[in-house]
Amino acid sequence: MLHRFLVGLVDAKRILEIGDARENVVKLSNITVDVAFLDVDKMSYKYHHDAILERSMLNKSGLFIADDTAFTSVTT
């Protein structure tokens, strides 16, 4: 299954990464963003959420958006 990960609005630039989300988190871990949009397989949301926050990729006043989190398969 292909995982998708998108990060946007870095110094007035948009960055879109489509591919394996785990690889993209590592690849982009040297940047910080104002908005992070996460759309991955539902069982991996916690891993990716934590990975983004642990690497300080999201600015302190940034917006984290996670798609399709109203399902019971998304756990905290």
PDB file of N, CA and C in Angstrom:
ATOM      1  N   MET A   1       0.835  -1.179   0.000  1.00  0.00           N
ATOM      2  CA  MET A   1       0.000   0.000   0.000  1.00  0.00           C
ATOM      3  C   MET A   1       0.885   1.249   0.000  1.00  0.00           C
ATOM      4  N   LEU A   2       0.551   2.189  -0.823  1.00  0.00           N
ATOM      5  CA  LEU A   2       1.292   3.442  -0.898  1.00  0.00           C
ATOM      6  C   LEU A   2       0.782   4.402   0.161  1.00  0.00           C
ATOM      7  N   HIS A   3       1.678   4.886   0.994  1.00  0.00           N
ATOM      8  CA  HIS A   3       1.324   5.873   2.004  1.00  0.00           C
ATOM      9  C   HIS A   3       1.582   7.255   1.426  1.00  0.00           C
ATOM     10  N   ARG A   4       0.742   8.200   1.780  1.00  0.00           N
ATOM     11  CA  ARG A   4       0.921   9.549   1.257  1.00  0.00           C
ATOM     12  C   ARG A   4       1.198  10.509   2.394  1.00  0.00           C
ATOM     13  N   PHE A   5       2.004  11.500   2.131  1.00  0.00           N
ATOM     14  CA  PHE A   5       2.367  12.484   3.134  1.00  0.00           C
ATOM     15  C   PHE A   5       2.562  13.818   2.439  1.00  0.00           C
ATOM     16  N   LEU A   6       1.953  14.840   2.941  1.00  0.00           N
ATOM     17  CA  LEU A   6       2.057  16.151   2.324  1.00  0.00           C
ATOM     18  C   LEU A   6       2.418  17.169   3.376  1.00  0.00           C
ATOM     19  N   VAL A   7       3.341  18.045   3.067  1.00  0.00           N
ATOM     20  CA  VAL A   7       3.710  19.139   3.948  1.00  0.00           C
ATOM     21  C   VAL A   7       3.647  20.402   3.123  1.00  0.00           C
ATOM     22  N   GLY A   8       3.122  21.478   3.697  1.00  0.00           N
ATOM     23  CA  GLY A   8       3.008  22.695   2.911  1.00  0.00           C
ATOM     24  C   GLY A   8       3.397  23.952   3.646  1.00  0.00           C
ATOM     25  N   LEU A   9       3.561  25.009   2.901  1.00  0.00           N
ATOM     26  CA  LEU A   9       3.821  26.355   3.398  1.00  0.00           C
ATOM     27  C   LEU A   9       5.113  26.482   4.196  1.00  0.00           C
ATOM     28  N   VAL A  10       6.236  26.357   3.544  1.00  0.00           N
ATOM     29  CA  VAL A  10       7.544  26.558   4.144  1.00  0.00           C
ATOM     30  C   VAL A  10       8.128  27.815   3.522  1.00  0.00           C
ATOM     31  N   ASP A  11       8.272  28.850   4.317  1.00  0.00           N
ATOM     32  CA  ASP A  11       8.808  30.118   3.810  1.00  0.00           C
ATOM     33  C   ASP A  11       8.121  30.522   2.513  1.00  0.00           C
ATOM     34  N   ALA A  12       6.805  30.523   2.543  1.00  0.00           N
ATOM     35  CA  ALA A  12       5.960  30.911   1.412  1.00  0.00           C
ATOM     36  C   ALA A  12       6.133  29.973   0.209  1.00  0.00           C
ATOM     37  N   LYS A  13       6.619  28.779   0.452  1.00  0.00           N
ATOM     38  CA  LYS A  13       6.731  27.768  -0.600  1.00  0.00           C
ATOM     39  C   LYS A  13       5.819  26.612  -0.218  1.00  0.00           C
ATOM     40  N   ARG A  14       5.394  25.889  -1.207  1.00  0.00           N
ATOM     41  CA  ARG A  14       4.614  24.679  -0.962  1.00  0.00           C
ATOM     42  C   ARG A  14       5.463  23.477  -1.289  1.00  0.00           C
ATOM     43  N   ILE A  15       5.436  22.515  -0.392  1.00  0.00           N
ATOM     44  CA  ILE A  15       6.169  21.277  -0.617  1.00  0.00           C
ATOM     45  C   ILE A  15       5.154  20.152  -0.605  1.00  0.00           C
ATOM     46  N   LEU A  16       5.158  19.366  -1.647  1.00  0.00           N
ATOM     47  CA  LEU A  16       4.257  18.232  -1.752  1.00  0.00           C
ATOM     48  C   LEU A  16       5.105  16.994  -1.947  1.00  0.00           C
ATOM     49  N   GLU A  17       4.967  16.058  -1.042  1.00  0.00           N
ATOM     50  CA  GLU A  17       5.687  14.797  -1.162  1.00  0.00           C
ATOM     51  C   GLU A  17       4.663  13.679  -1.226  1.00  0.00           C
ATOM     52  N   ILE A  18       4.705  12.909  -2.267  1.00  0.00           N
ATOM     53  CA  ILE A  18       3.829  11.752  -2.414  1.00  0.00           C
ATOM     54  C   ILE A  18       4.720  10.529  -2.507  1.00  0.00           C
ATOM     55  N   GLY A  19       4.432   9.556  -1.690  1.00  0.00           N
ATOM     56  CA  GLY A  19       5.233   8.342  -1.679  1.00  0.00           C
ATOM     57  C   GLY A  19       5.147   7.709  -0.318  1.00  0.00           C
ATOM     58  N   ASP A  20       6.175   6.972   0.064  1.00  0.00           N
ATOM     59  CA  ASP A  20       6.197   6.313   1.357  1.00  0.00           C
ATOM     60  C   ASP A  20       6.344   7.351   2.466  1.00  0.00           C
ATOM     61  N   ALA A  21       5.361   7.414   3.350  1.00  0.00           N
ATOM     62  CA  ALA A  21       5.329   8.446   4.385  1.00  0.00           C
ATOM     63  C   ALA A  21       6.510   8.334   5.348  1.00  0.00           C
ATOM     64  N   ARG A  22       6.904   7.125   5.698  1.00  0.00           N
ATOM     65  CA  ARG A  22       8.045   6.963   6.619  1.00  0.00           C
ATOM     66  C   ARG A  22       9.325   7.506   5.995  1.00  0.00           C
ATOM     67  N   GLU A  23       9.532   7.271   4.720  1.00  0.00           N
ATOM     68  CA  GLU A  23      10.707   7.810   4.032  1.00  0.00           C
ATOM     69  C   GLU A  23      10.622   9.332   3.929  1.00  0.00           C
ATOM     70  N   ASN A  24       9.431   9.851   3.661  1.00  0.00           N
ATOM     71  CA  ASN A  24       9.274  11.296   3.511  1.00  0.00           C
ATOM     72  C   ASN A  24       9.486  12.041   4.823  1.00  0.00           C
ATOM     73  N   VAL A  25       9.068  11.468   5.939  1.00  0.00           N
ATOM     74  CA  VAL A  25       9.303  12.113   7.233  1.00  0.00           C
ATOM     75  C   VAL A  25      10.798  12.251   7.478  1.00  0.00           C
ATOM     76  N   VAL A  26      11.544  11.203   7.188  1.00  0.00           N
ATOM     77  CA  VAL A  26      12.998  11.252   7.360  1.00  0.00           C
ATOM     78  C   VAL A  26      13.607  12.253   6.383  1.00  0.00           C
ATOM     79  N   LYS A  27      13.181  12.192   5.136  1.00  0.00           N
ATOM     80  CA  LYS A  27      13.724  13.066   4.088  1.00  0.00           C
ATOM     81  C   LYS A  27      13.480  14.548   4.394  1.00  0.00           C
ATOM     82  N   LEU A  28      12.324  14.858   4.973  1.00  0.00           N
ATOM     83  CA  LEU A  28      11.960  16.251   5.237  1.00  0.00           C
ATOM     84  C   LEU A  28      12.213  16.686   6.674  1.00  0.00           C
ATOM     85  N   SER A  29      12.870  15.872   7.470  1.00  0.00           N
ATOM     86  CA  SER A  29      13.004  16.161   8.897  1.00  0.00           C
ATOM     87  C   SER A  29      13.871  17.380   9.207  1.00  0.00           C
ATOM     88  N   ASN A  30      14.553  17.936   8.224  1.00  0.00           N
ATOM     89  CA  ASN A  30      15.382  19.111   8.462  1.00  0.00           C
ATOM     90  C   ASN A  30      14.636  20.424   8.220  1.00  0.00           C
ATOM     91  N   ILE A  31      13.328  20.360   7.967  1.00  0.00           N
ATOM     92  CA  ILE A  31      12.554  21.579   7.735  1.00  0.00           C
ATOM     93  C   ILE A  31      11.453  21.706   8.784  1.00  0.00           C
ATOM     94  N   THR A  32      10.949  22.911   8.938  1.00  0.00           N
ATOM     95  CA  THR A  32       9.761  23.133   9.750  1.00  0.00           C
ATOM     96  C   THR A  32       8.699  23.747   8.852  1.00  0.00           C
ATOM     97  N   VAL A  33       7.445  23.437   9.159  1.00  0.00           N
ATOM     98  CA  VAL A  33       6.344  23.894   8.323  1.00  0.00           C
ATOM     99  C   VAL A  33       5.271  24.544   9.179  1.00  0.00           C
ATOM    100  N   ASP A  34       4.438  25.332   8.532  1.00  0.00           N
ATOM    101  CA  ASP A  34       3.303  25.956   9.205  1.00  0.00           C
ATOM    102  C   ASP A  34       2.069  25.067   9.170  1.00  0.00           C
ATOM    103  N   VAL A  35       1.966  24.237   8.137  1.00  0.00           N
ATOM    104  CA  VAL A  35       0.821  23.339   7.976  1.00  0.00           C
ATOM    105  C   VAL A  35       1.336  21.960   7.575  1.00  0.00           C
ATOM    106  N   ALA A  36       0.865  20.940   8.280  1.00  0.00           N
ATOM    107  CA  ALA A  36       1.177  19.559   7.913  1.00  0.00           C
ATOM    108  C   ALA A  36      -0.136  18.837   7.674  1.00  0.00           C
ATOM    109  N   PHE A  37      -0.257  18.187   6.530  1.00  0.00           N
ATOM    110  CA  PHE A  37      -1.450  17.412   6.188  1.00  0.00           C
ATOM    111  C   PHE A  37      -1.037  15.955   6.092  1.00  0.00           C
ATOM    112  N   LEU A  38      -1.695  15.113   6.856  1.00  0.00           N
ATOM    113  CA  LEU A  38      -1.347  13.702   6.915  1.00  0.00           C
ATOM    114  C   LEU A  38      -2.499  12.864   6.374  1.00  0.00           C
ATOM    115  N   ASP A  39      -2.192  12.013   5.402  1.00  0.00           N
ATOM    116  CA  ASP A  39      -3.173  11.095   4.832  1.00  0.00           C
ATOM    117  C   ASP A  39      -2.457   9.770   4.600  1.00  0.00           C
ATOM    118  N   VAL A  40      -2.495   8.904   5.596  1.00  0.00           N
ATOM    119  CA  VAL A  40      -1.799   7.617   5.534  1.00  0.00           C
ATOM    120  C   VAL A  40      -2.788   6.507   5.872  1.00  0.00           C
ATOM    121  N   ASP A  41      -2.302   5.265   5.843  1.00  0.00           N
ATOM    122  CA  ASP A  41      -3.188   4.186   6.266  1.00  0.00           C
ATOM    123  C   ASP A  41      -3.546   4.411   7.737  1.00  0.00           C
ATOM    124  N   LYS A  42      -4.761   4.097   8.076  1.00  0.00           N
ATOM    125  CA  LYS A  42      -5.328   4.514   9.362  1.00  0.00           C
ATOM    126  C   LYS A  42      -4.597   3.943  10.574  1.00  0.00           C
ATOM    127  N   MET A  43      -4.003   2.789  10.451  1.00  0.00           N
ATOM    128  CA  MET A  43      -3.290   2.195  11.583  1.00  0.00           C
ATOM    129  C   MET A  43      -1.951   2.889  11.856  1.00  0.00           C
ATOM    130  N   SER A  44      -1.484   3.717  10.931  1.00  0.00           N
ATOM    131  CA  SER A  44      -0.174   4.364  11.079  1.00  0.00           C
ATOM    132  C   SER A  44      -0.255   5.829  11.508  1.00  0.00           C
ATOM    133  N   TYR A  45      -1.449   6.342  11.728  1.00  0.00           N
ATOM    134  CA  TYR A  45      -1.570   7.760  12.070  1.00  0.00           C
ATOM    135  C   TYR A  45      -0.753   8.147  13.287  1.00  0.00           C
ATOM    136  N   LYS A  46      -0.825   7.375  14.370  1.00  0.00           N
ATOM    137  CA  LYS A  46      -0.108   7.737  15.594  1.00  0.00           C
ATOM    138  C   LYS A  46       1.396   7.784  15.338  1.00  0.00           C
ATOM    139  N   TYR A  47       1.926   6.791  14.631  1.00  0.00           N
ATOM    140  CA  TYR A  47       3.358   6.792  14.337  1.00  0.00           C
ATOM    141  C   TYR A  47       3.771   8.072  13.612  1.00  0.00           C
ATOM    142  N   HIS A  48       3.045   8.423  12.549  1.00  0.00           N
ATOM    143  CA  HIS A  48       3.420   9.579  11.747  1.00  0.00           C
ATOM    144  C   HIS A  48       3.196  10.884  12.493  1.00  0.00           C
ATOM    145  N   HIS A  49       2.123  10.983  13.236  1.00  0.00           N
ATOM    146  CA  HIS A  49       1.863  12.170  14.054  1.00  0.00           C
ATOM    147  C   HIS A  49       3.017  12.379  15.025  1.00  0.00           C
ATOM    148  N   ASP A  50       3.373  11.331  15.759  1.00  0.00           N
ATOM    149  CA  ASP A  50       4.453  11.425  16.734  1.00  0.00           C
ATOM    150  C   ASP A  50       5.792  11.723  16.068  1.00  0.00           C
ATOM    151  N   ALA A  51       6.056  11.108  14.917  1.00  0.00           N
ATOM    152  CA  ALA A  51       7.323  11.334  14.217  1.00  0.00           C
ATOM    153  C   ALA A  51       7.475  12.793  13.803  1.00  0.00           C
ATOM    154  N   ILE A  52       6.407  13.401  13.325  1.00  0.00           N
ATOM    155  CA  ILE A  52       6.452  14.807  12.913  1.00  0.00           C
ATOM    156  C   ILE A  52       6.702  15.708  14.119  1.00  0.00           C
ATOM    157  N   LEU A  53       6.005  15.445  15.206  1.00  0.00           N
ATOM    158  CA  LEU A  53       6.166  16.276  16.400  1.00  0.00           C
ATOM    159  C   LEU A  53       7.516  16.055  17.078  1.00  0.00           C
ATOM    160  N   GLU A  54       7.979  14.813  17.166  1.00  0.00           N
ATOM    161  CA  GLU A  54       9.273  14.523  17.789  1.00  0.00           C
ATOM    162  C   GLU A  54      10.435  15.156  17.030  1.00  0.00           C
ATOM    163  N   ARG A  55      10.309  15.288  15.731  1.00  0.00           N
ATOM    164  CA  ARG A  55      11.358  15.901  14.917  1.00  0.00           C
ATOM    165  C   ARG A  55      11.195  17.423  14.826  1.00  0.00           C
ATOM    166  N   SER A  56      10.218  17.967  15.541  1.00  0.00           N
ATOM    167  CA  SER A  56       9.934  19.412  15.545  1.00  0.00           C
ATOM    168  C   SER A  56       9.743  19.947  14.130  1.00  0.00           C
ATOM    169  N   MET A  57       9.056  19.188  13.302  1.00  0.00           N
ATOM    170  CA  MET A  57       8.828  19.596  11.918  1.00  0.00           C
ATOM    171  C   MET A  57       7.709  20.623  11.798  1.00  0.00           C
ATOM    172  N   LEU A  58       6.828  20.687  12.785  1.00  0.00           N
ATOM    173  CA  LEU A  58       5.702  21.608  12.748  1.00  0.00           C
ATOM    174  C   LEU A  58       5.993  22.784  13.661  1.00  0.00           C
ATOM    175  N   ASN A  59       5.865  23.999  13.126  1.00  0.00           N
ATOM    176  CA  ASN A  59       6.069  25.194  13.948  1.00  0.00           C
ATOM    177  C   ASN A  59       5.147  25.161  15.156  1.00  0.00           C
ATOM    178  N   LYS A  60       5.567  25.805  16.242  1.00  0.00           N
ATOM    179  CA  LYS A  60       4.774  25.775  17.479  1.00  0.00           C
ATOM    180  C   LYS A  60       3.361  26.288  17.281  1.00  0.00           C
ATOM    181  N   SER A  61       3.161  27.224  16.399  1.00  0.00           N
ATOM    182  CA  SER A  61       1.811  27.742  16.139  1.00  0.00           C
ATOM    183  C   SER A  61       1.230  27.147  14.855  1.00  0.00           C
ATOM    184  N   GLY A  62       1.802  26.033  14.400  1.00  0.00           N
ATOM    185  CA  GLY A  62       1.386  25.416  13.146  1.00  0.00           C
ATOM    186  C   GLY A  62       0.091  24.636  13.259  1.00  0.00           C
ATOM    187  N   LEU A  63      -0.434  24.271  12.113  1.00  0.00           N
ATOM    188  CA  LEU A  63      -1.687  23.537  12.001  1.00  0.00           C
ATOM    189  C   LEU A  63      -1.404  22.127  11.518  1.00  0.00           C
ATOM    190  N   PHE A  64      -1.895  21.135  12.257  1.00  0.00           N
ATOM    191  CA  PHE A  64      -1.735  19.733  11.892  1.00  0.00           C
ATOM    192  C   PHE A  64      -3.104  19.226  11.449  1.00  0.00           C
ATOM    193  N   ILE A  65      -3.199  18.754  10.213  1.00  0.00           N
ATOM    194  CA  ILE A  65      -4.455  18.240   9.674  1.00  0.00           C
ATOM    195  C   ILE A  65      -4.262  16.757   9.370  1.00  0.00           C
ATOM    196  N   ALA A  66      -5.161  15.932   9.904  1.00  0.00           N
ATOM    197  CA  ALA A  66      -5.103  14.499   9.645  1.00  0.00           C
ATOM    198  C   ALA A  66      -6.415  14.079   8.989  1.00  0.00           C
ATOM    199  N   ASP A  67      -6.321  13.519   7.805  1.00  0.00           N
ATOM    200  CA  ASP A  67      -7.488  13.121   7.022  1.00  0.00           C
ATOM    201  C   ASP A  67      -8.084  11.813   7.546  1.00  0.00           C
ATOM    202  N   ASP A  68      -9.395  11.696   7.467  1.00  0.00           N
ATOM    203  CA  ASP A  68     -10.117  10.456   7.788  1.00  0.00           C
ATOM    204  C   ASP A  68      -9.854   9.939   9.198  1.00  0.00           C
ATOM    205  N   THR A  69      -9.892  10.791  10.202  1.00  0.00           N
ATOM    206  CA  THR A  69      -9.617  10.339  11.567  1.00  0.00           C
ATOM    207  C   THR A  69     -10.880  10.011  12.357  1.00  0.00           C
ATOM    208  N   ALA A  70     -12.037  10.047  11.724  1.00  0.00           N
ATOM    209  CA  ALA A  70     -13.288   9.766  12.425  1.00  0.00           C
ATOM    210  C   ALA A  70     -13.608   8.275  12.453  1.00  0.00           C
ATOM    211  N   PHE A  71     -12.685   7.449  12.014  1.00  0.00           N
ATOM    212  CA  PHE A  71     -12.933   6.019  11.964  1.00  0.00           C
ATOM    213  C   PHE A  71     -12.386   5.336  13.201  1.00  0.00           C
ATOM    214  N   THR A  72     -12.971   4.228  13.600  1.00  0.00           N
ATOM    215  CA  THR A  72     -12.534   3.529  14.802  1.00  0.00           C
ATOM    216  C   THR A  72     -11.162   2.886  14.672  1.00  0.00           C
ATOM    217  N   SER A  73     -10.663   2.729  13.468  1.00  0.00           N
ATOM    218  CA  SER A  73      -9.334   2.130  13.302  1.00  0.00           C
ATOM    219  C   SER A  73      -8.210   3.094  13.647  1.00  0.00           C
ATOM    220  N   VAL A  74      -8.519   4.384  13.802  1.00  0.00           N
ATOM    221  CA  VAL A  74      -7.504   5.371  14.190  1.00  0.00           C
ATOM    222  C   VAL A  74      -7.447   5.385  15.699  1.00  0.00           C
ATOM    223  N   THR A  75      -6.291   5.044  16.259  1.00  0.00           N
ATOM    224  CA  THR A  75      -6.166   4.983  17.705  1.00  0.00           C
ATOM    225  C   THR A  75      -5.188   6.021  18.201  1.00  0.00           C
ATOM    226  N   THR A  76      -5.349   6.403  19.446  1.00  0.00           N
ATOM    227  CA  THR A  76      -4.434   7.389  20.050  1.00  0.00           C
ATOM    228  C   THR A  76      -3.524   6.734  21.043  1.00  0.00           C
TER     229      THR A  76
END
